[in-house]
C-alpha atoms as a PDB file:
ATOM      1  CA  MET A   1     164.460 129.941 -74.084  1.00  0.00           C
ATOM      2  CA  THR A   2     165.408 133.616 -74.128  1.00  0.00           C
ATOM      3  CA  ILE A   3     166.081 135.357 -70.858  1.00  0.00           C
ATOM      4  CA  ALA A   4     164.813 138.913 -70.691  1.00  0.00           C
ATOM      5  CA  PRO A   5     167.548 141.448 -69.946  1.00  0.00           C
ATOM      6  CA  ASP A   6     166.154 142.236 -66.484  1.00  0.00           C
ATOM      7  CA  GLN A   7     166.103 138.506 -65.624  1.00  0.00           C
ATOM      8  CA  ALA A   8     169.682 138.100 -66.840  1.00  0.00           C
ATOM      9  CA  GLY A   9     170.670 141.045 -64.646  1.00  0.00           C
ATOM     10  CA  ASN A  10     168.928 139.472 -61.654  1.00  0.00           C
ATOM     11  CA  ASP A  11     170.713 136.170 -62.294  1.00  0.00           C
ATOM     12  CA  THR A  12     174.068 137.953 -62.500  1.00  0.00           C
ATOM     13  CA  LEU A  13     173.386 139.882 -59.284  1.00  0.00           C
ATOM     14  CA  HIS A  14     172.270 136.689 -57.532  1.00  0.00           C
ATOM     15  CA  TYR A  15     175.443 134.898 -58.640  1.00  0.00           C
ATOM     16  CA  GLN A  16     177.658 137.790 -57.516  1.00  0.00           C
ATOM     17  CA  LEU A  17     175.988 137.756 -54.079  1.00  0.00           C
ATOM     18  CA  LEU A  18     176.658 134.016 -53.779  1.00  0.00           C
ATOM     19  CA  ARG A  19     180.247 134.555 -54.950  1.00  0.00           C
ATOM     20  CA  ASP A  20     180.746 137.262 -52.290  1.00  0.00           C
ATOM     21  CA  VAL A  21     179.393 134.942 -49.572  1.00  0.00           C
ATOM     22  CA  VAL A  22     181.750 132.139 -50.645  1.00  0.00           C
ATOM     23  CA  GLU A  23     184.757 134.488 -50.616  1.00  0.00           C
ATOM     24  CA  GLN A  24     183.872 135.781 -47.149  1.00  0.00           C
ATOM     25  CA  ILE A  25     183.353 132.431 -45.451  1.00  0.00           C
ATOM     26  CA  GLN A  26     185.555 129.937 -47.344  1.00  0.00           C
ATOM     27  CA  ASP A  27     188.537 130.275 -44.997  1.00  0.00           C
ATOM     28  CA  ASN A  28     186.350 129.889 -41.900  1.00  0.00           C
ATOM     29  CA  VAL A  29     184.427 126.718 -42.747  1.00  0.00           C
ATOM     30  CA  PRO A  30     185.654 123.157 -43.166  1.00  0.00           C
ATOM     31  CA  GLY A  31     185.484 121.550 -46.572  1.00  0.00           C
ATOM     32  CA  LYS A  32     184.920 123.101 -49.960  1.00  0.00           C
ATOM     33  CA  LEU A  33     182.348 125.604 -51.266  1.00  0.00           C
ATOM     34  CA  GLU A  34     181.128 125.659 -54.860  1.00  0.00           C
ATOM     35  CA  ILE A  35     178.252 127.453 -56.624  1.00  0.00           C
ATOM     36  CA  THR A  36     175.604 125.872 -58.851  1.00  0.00           C
ATOM     37  CA  LYS A  37     172.274 127.043 -60.242  1.00  0.00           C
ATOM     38  CA  GLU A  38     170.673 125.793 -57.011  1.00  0.00           C
ATOM     39  CA  GLY A  39     172.974 127.831 -54.771  1.00  0.00           C
ATOM     40  CA  ILE A  40     176.046 127.087 -52.677  1.00  0.00           C
ATOM     41  CA  VAL A  41     177.228 123.487 -52.409  1.00  0.00           C
ATOM     42  CA  HIS A  42     179.139 122.787 -49.203  1.00  0.00           C
ATOM     43  CA  ASP A  43     181.095 119.567 -49.019  1.00  0.00           C
ATOM     44  CA  MET A  44     181.338 119.596 -45.231  1.00  0.00           C
ATOM     45  CA  MET A  45     184.327 117.351 -44.800  1.00  0.00           C
ATOM     46  CA  SER A  46     187.817 118.177 -45.932  1.00  0.00           C
ATOM     47  CA  PRO A  47     189.008 115.465 -48.300  1.00  0.00           C
ATOM     48  CA  GLY A  48     190.544 112.509 -46.494  1.00  0.00           C
ATOM     49  CA  ARG A  49     193.710 110.636 -47.279  1.00  0.00           C
ATOM     50  CA  PRO A  50     192.231 108.100 -49.764  1.00  0.00           C
ATOM     51  CA  HIS A  51     190.584 110.963 -51.696  1.00  0.00           C
ATOM     52  CA  GLU A  52     193.772 113.014 -51.867  1.00  0.00           C
ATOM     53  CA  LEU A  53     195.939 109.956 -52.632  1.00  0.00           C
ATOM     54  CA  THR A  54     193.616 109.068 -55.526  1.00  0.00           C
ATOM     55  CA  ALA A  55     193.900 112.581 -56.979  1.00  0.00           C
ATOM     56  CA  LEU A  56     197.700 112.491 -56.564  1.00  0.00           C
ATOM     57  CA  ARG A  57     198.054 109.102 -58.286  1.00  0.00           C
ATOM     58  CA  ILE A  58     195.779 110.123 -61.153  1.00  0.00           C
ATOM     59  CA  ARG A  59     197.811 113.304 -61.612  1.00  0.00           C
ATOM     60  CA  ARG A  60     201.105 111.384 -61.577  1.00  0.00           C
ATOM     61  CA  GLU A  61     199.853 108.866 -64.141  1.00  0.00           C
ATOM     62  CA  LEU A  62     198.658 111.677 -66.397  1.00  0.00           C
ATOM     63  CA  ASP A  63     202.006 113.477 -66.014  1.00  0.00           C
ATOM     64  CA  LYS A  64     203.665 110.414 -67.564  1.00  0.00           C
ATOM     65  CA  VAL A  65     201.576 110.561 -70.754  1.00  0.00           C
ATOM     66  CA  LEU A  66     200.628 114.214 -71.314  1.00  0.00           C
ATOM     67  CA  PRO A  67     202.589 116.322 -73.810  1.00  0.00           C
ATOM     68  CA  ASP A  68     204.908 118.956 -72.348  1.00  0.00           C
ATOM     69  CA  ASP A  69     202.473 121.832 -72.912  1.00  0.00           C
ATOM     70  CA  VAL A  70     199.549 120.105 -71.133  1.00  0.00           C
ATOM     71  CA  VAL A  71     199.412 119.625 -67.354  1.00  0.00           C
ATOM     72  CA  ALA A  72     197.364 117.706 -64.830  1.00  0.00           C
ATOM     73  CA  HIS A  73     196.728 120.434 -62.261  1.00  0.00           C
ATOM     74  CA  THR A  74     195.524 119.974 -58.703  1.00  0.00           C
ATOM     75  CA  GLY A  75     194.937 123.082 -56.663  1.00  0.00           C
ATOM     76  CA  THR A  76     193.510 126.510 -57.197  1.00  0.00           C
ATOM     77  CA  PRO A  77     191.968 128.528 -58.756  1.00  0.00           C
ATOM     78  CA  ASP A  78     188.399 127.443 -59.367  1.00  0.00           C
ATOM     79  CA  VAL A  79     186.719 126.966 -62.735  1.00  0.00           C
ATOM     80  CA  GLU A  80     184.055 129.619 -63.198  1.00  0.00           C
ATOM     81  CA  ASP A  81     181.407 130.543 -65.752  1.00  0.00           C
ATOM     82  CA  VAL A  82     179.812 133.781 -64.543  1.00  0.00           C
ATOM     83  CA  ASN A  83     177.212 133.754 -67.346  1.00  0.00           C
ATOM     84  CA  GLU A  84     175.924 130.341 -66.247  1.00  0.00           C
ATOM     85  CA  GLY A  85     176.304 131.151 -62.532  1.00  0.00           C
ATOM     86  CA  VAL A  86     178.572 128.171 -61.839  1.00  0.00           C
ATOM     87  CA  MET A  87     181.833 127.963 -59.911  1.00  0.00           C
ATOM     88  CA  ARG A  88     183.385 124.519 -59.429  1.00  0.00           C
ATOM     89  CA  HIS A  89     186.689 123.145 -58.206  1.00  0.00           C
ATOM     90  CA  PRO A  90     187.678 119.896 -59.962  1.00  0.00           C
ATOM     91  CA  ASP A  91     190.085 117.632 -58.082  1.00  0.00           C
ATOM     92  CA  VAL A  92     192.307 117.375 -61.185  1.00  0.00           C
ATOM     93  CA  MET A  93     192.168 119.615 -64.250  1.00  0.00           C
ATOM     94  CA  VAL A  94     193.815 118.715 -67.544  1.00  0.00           C
ATOM     95  CA  ILE A  95     194.679 122.038 -69.136  1.00  0.00           C
ATOM     96  CA  ARG A  96     197.251 123.597 -71.418  1.00  0.00           C
ATOM     97  CA  GLU A  97     199.898 125.390 -69.399  1.00  0.00           C
ATOM     98  CA  GLU A  98     199.412 128.606 -71.395  1.00  0.00           C
ATOM     99  CA  ASP A  99     195.707 128.636 -70.389  1.00  0.00           C
ATOM    100  CA  MET A 100     196.754 128.833 -66.738  1.00  0.00           C
ATOM    101  CA  GLU A 101     198.384 132.231 -67.232  1.00  0.00           C
ATOM    102  CA  GLY A 102     196.716 135.381 -65.915  1.00  0.00           C
ATOM    103  CA  ASP A 103     194.571 136.109 -62.887  1.00  0.00           C
ATOM    104  CA  GLY A 104     191.229 134.911 -61.613  1.00  0.00           C
ATOM    105  CA  SER A 105     189.379 131.667 -62.127  1.00  0.00           C
ATOM    106  CA  PHE A 106     190.039 129.363 -65.060  1.00  0.00           C
ATOM    107  CA  ASP A 107     187.686 129.579 -68.035  1.00  0.00           C
ATOM    108  CA  PRO A 108     186.033 126.117 -68.080  1.00  0.00           C
ATOM    109  CA  ARG A 109     186.174 126.048 -71.892  1.00  0.00           C
ATOM    110  CA  THR A 110     189.979 125.950 -71.696  1.00  0.00           C
ATOM    111  CA  LEU A 111     189.952 122.670 -69.753  1.00  0.00           C
ATOM    112  CA  ILE A 112     190.641 119.526 -71.722  1.00  0.00           C
ATOM    113  CA  ALA A 113     189.155 117.418 -68.920  1.00  0.00           C
ATOM    114  CA  ALA A 114     187.883 117.681 -65.364  1.00  0.00           C
ATOM    115  CA  ILE A 115     188.497 114.760 -63.028  1.00  0.00           C
ATOM    116  CA  GLU A 116     186.671 114.218 -59.760  1.00  0.00           C
ATOM    117  CA  VAL A 117     187.304 111.775 -56.938  1.00  0.00           C
ATOM    118  CA  VAL A 118     183.897 111.058 -55.425  1.00  0.00           C
ATOM    119  CA  SER A 119     183.484 112.468 -51.951  1.00  0.00           C
ATOM    120  CA  ARG A 120     182.467 110.073 -49.225  1.00  0.00           C
ATOM    121  CA  SER A 121     180.216 112.737 -47.674  1.00  0.00           C
ATOM    122  CA  ASN A 122     178.457 114.064 -50.811  1.00  0.00           C
ATOM    123  CA  PRO A 123     178.637 111.623 -53.762  1.00  0.00           C
ATOM    124  CA  ASP A 124     175.647 113.159 -55.572  1.00  0.00           C
ATOM    125  CA  ASN A 125     177.680 116.327 -56.075  1.00  0.00           C
ATOM    126  CA  ASP A 126     180.050 114.365 -58.354  1.00  0.00           C
ATOM    127  CA  TRP A 127     177.611 111.846 -59.871  1.00  0.00           C
ATOM    128  CA  VAL A 128     174.606 114.149 -60.430  1.00  0.00           C
ATOM    129  CA  SER A 129     175.297 117.887 -60.105  1.00  0.00           C
ATOM    130  CA  LYS A 130     178.641 117.949 -61.904  1.00  0.00           C
ATOM    131  CA  VAL A 131     177.344 115.603 -64.624  1.00  0.00           C
ATOM    132  CA  ARG A 132     174.828 118.400 -65.293  1.00  0.00           C
ATOM    133  CA  ASP A 133     177.136 121.402 -64.696  1.00  0.00           C
ATOM    134  CA  TYR A 134     180.298 120.388 -66.538  1.00  0.00           C
ATOM    135  CA  PRO A 135     178.788 120.056 -70.025  1.00  0.00           C
ATOM    136  CA  MET A 136     176.729 123.210 -69.401  1.00  0.00           C
ATOM    137  CA  ILE A 137     179.918 125.224 -68.822  1.00  0.00           C
ATOM    138  CA  GLY A 138     181.741 123.580 -71.730  1.00  0.00           C
ATOM    139  CA  ILE A 139     184.141 121.060 -70.132  1.00  0.00           C
ATOM    140  CA  PRO A 140     184.500 118.472 -72.929  1.00  0.00           C
ATOM    141  CA  ILE A 141     185.508 115.452 -70.828  1.00  0.00           C
ATOM    142  CA  TYR A 142     184.510 114.564 -67.266  1.00  0.00           C
ATOM    143  CA  ALA A 143     186.109 111.568 -65.523  1.00  0.00           C
ATOM    144  CA  ILE A 144     184.726 110.282 -62.216  1.00  0.00           C
ATOM    145  CA  PHE A 145     186.681 107.996 -59.888  1.00  0.00           C
ATOM    146  CA  ASP A 146     184.675 106.508 -56.991  1.00  0.00           C
ATOM    147  CA  PRO A 147     186.718 105.076 -54.086  1.00  0.00           C
ATOM    148  CA  ARG A 148     183.473 103.943 -52.412  1.00  0.00           C
ATOM    149  CA  THR A 149     182.823 101.314 -55.101  1.00  0.00           C
ATOM    150  CA  GLY A 150     186.113 101.016 -57.010  1.00  0.00           C
ATOM    151  CA  GLU A 151     184.338 102.107 -60.182  1.00  0.00           C
ATOM    152  CA  GLY A 152     184.065 105.177 -62.340  1.00  0.00           C
ATOM    153  CA  ALA A 153     183.051 106.659 -65.650  1.00  0.00           C
ATOM    154  CA  VAL A 154     184.404 108.922 -68.368  1.00  0.00           C
ATOM    155  CA  LEU A 155     181.806 111.186 -69.964  1.00  0.00           C
ATOM    156  CA  SER A 156     182.353 113.054 -73.239  1.00  0.00           C
ATOM    157  CA  ASP A 157     180.823 114.404 -76.448  1.00  0.00           C
ATOM    158  CA  ILE A 158     178.654 117.310 -75.331  1.00  0.00           C
ATOM    159  CA  HIS A 159     175.411 117.583 -77.276  1.00  0.00           C
ATOM    160  CA  PRO A 160     172.303 119.768 -76.939  1.00  0.00           C
ATOM    161  CA  THR A 161     169.169 118.422 -75.248  1.00  0.00           C
ATOM    162  CA  PRO A 162     165.886 120.065 -74.211  1.00  0.00           C
ATOM    163  CA  SER A 163     167.311 120.204 -70.658  1.00  0.00           C
ATOM    164  CA  GLY A 164     170.533 121.842 -71.806  1.00  0.00           C
ATOM    165  CA  PRO A 165     173.928 120.506 -72.897  1.00  0.00           C
ATOM    166  CA  ARG A 166     174.654 116.927 -71.777  1.00  0.00           C
ATOM    167  CA  TYR A 167     177.342 114.309 -72.327  1.00  0.00           C
ATOM    168  CA  ALA A 168     176.375 111.836 -75.063  1.00  0.00           C
ATOM    169  CA  VAL A 169     178.993 109.172 -74.300  1.00  0.00           C
ATOM    170  CA  ARG A 170     179.603 107.388 -71.000  1.00  0.00           C
ATOM    171  CA  LYS A 171     182.287 104.719 -70.610  1.00  0.00           C
ATOM    172  CA  ASP A 172     182.179 102.917 -67.275  1.00  0.00           C
ATOM    173  CA  PHE A 173     185.224 101.231 -65.746  1.00  0.00           C
ATOM    174  CA  VAL A 174     186.277  99.326 -62.646  1.00  0.00           C
ATOM    175  CA  TYR A 175     189.484  99.872 -60.742  1.00  0.00           C
ATOM    176  CA  GLY A 176     192.206  97.677 -62.197  1.00  0.00           C
ATOM    177  CA  GLU A 177     191.353  98.556 -65.804  1.00  0.00           C
ATOM    178  CA  ASP A 178     193.190 101.085 -67.915  1.00  0.00           C
ATOM    179  CA  VAL A 179     191.117 104.231 -68.462  1.00  0.00           C
ATOM    180  CA  MET A 180     191.213 106.544 -71.453  1.00  0.00           C
ATOM    181  CA  ILE A 181     190.777 110.243 -70.627  1.00  0.00           C
ATOM    182  CA  GLY A 182     190.824 112.173 -73.865  1.00  0.00           C
ATOM    183  CA  ASP A 183     193.790 110.920 -75.870  1.00  0.00           C
ATOM    184  CA  TRP A 184     195.626 109.484 -72.862  1.00  0.00           C
ATOM    185  CA  THR A 185     195.365 106.144 -71.099  1.00  0.00           C
ATOM    186  CA  ILE A 186     196.212 105.640 -67.432  1.00  0.00           C
ATOM    187  CA  PRO A 187     196.139 102.581 -65.150  1.00  0.00           C
ATOM    188  CA  THR A 188     193.810 102.400 -62.143  1.00  0.00           C
ATOM    189  CA  LYS A 189     195.209  99.332 -60.392  1.00  0.00           C
ATOM    190  CA  ASN A 190     196.888 101.273 -57.543  1.00  0.00           C
ATOM    191  CA  LEU A 191     194.012 103.550 -56.620  1.00  0.00           C
ATOM    192  CA  PRO A 192     192.922 103.315 -52.968  1.00  0.00           C
ATOM    193  CA  ARG A 193     189.390 102.572 -51.772  1.00  0.00           C
ATOM    194  CA  TYR A 194     187.566 104.057 -48.814  1.00  0.00           C
ATOM    195  CA  ALA A 195     187.572 101.772 -45.774  1.00  0.00           C
END
């Protein structure tokens, strides 16, 4: 489908308005704000200890196996594709250190993988919306860890579909198994579960 120039301009203006709203209110609301095609996603609750501990342990395990020029990054900035109108904030980003240089949001196409720890308050954001958004903005690998169930999945191999780019491969796992994210394998036996 081709978007007429005036429609593309409207989409860009709409995205910029949403981006301005997020910047103005982010520091004054609890939780995390992200932008999708549907609008602003607000994960109301700040991540709890099991969520943050999971992200920390995943990052530490990746640090043990990643080459020196690739990092498992937790923190800011966001990942943003202005053309698609999407701004996300993965819990852990696997990225080359040199691609972190500069200012502004990370280009999602520079990520090697995005890793999410499923939120207790909004699991569909990780299991549905990001499964749609991440291939659309070019993130080649998406790993999901779900402390609610002790399960997860690694999605890869972006391919075109009538509904837009999607992941072609999904490998499910349960906590306790070793998980392969890209070229690297990490254990999951010490990941916490939600009470």
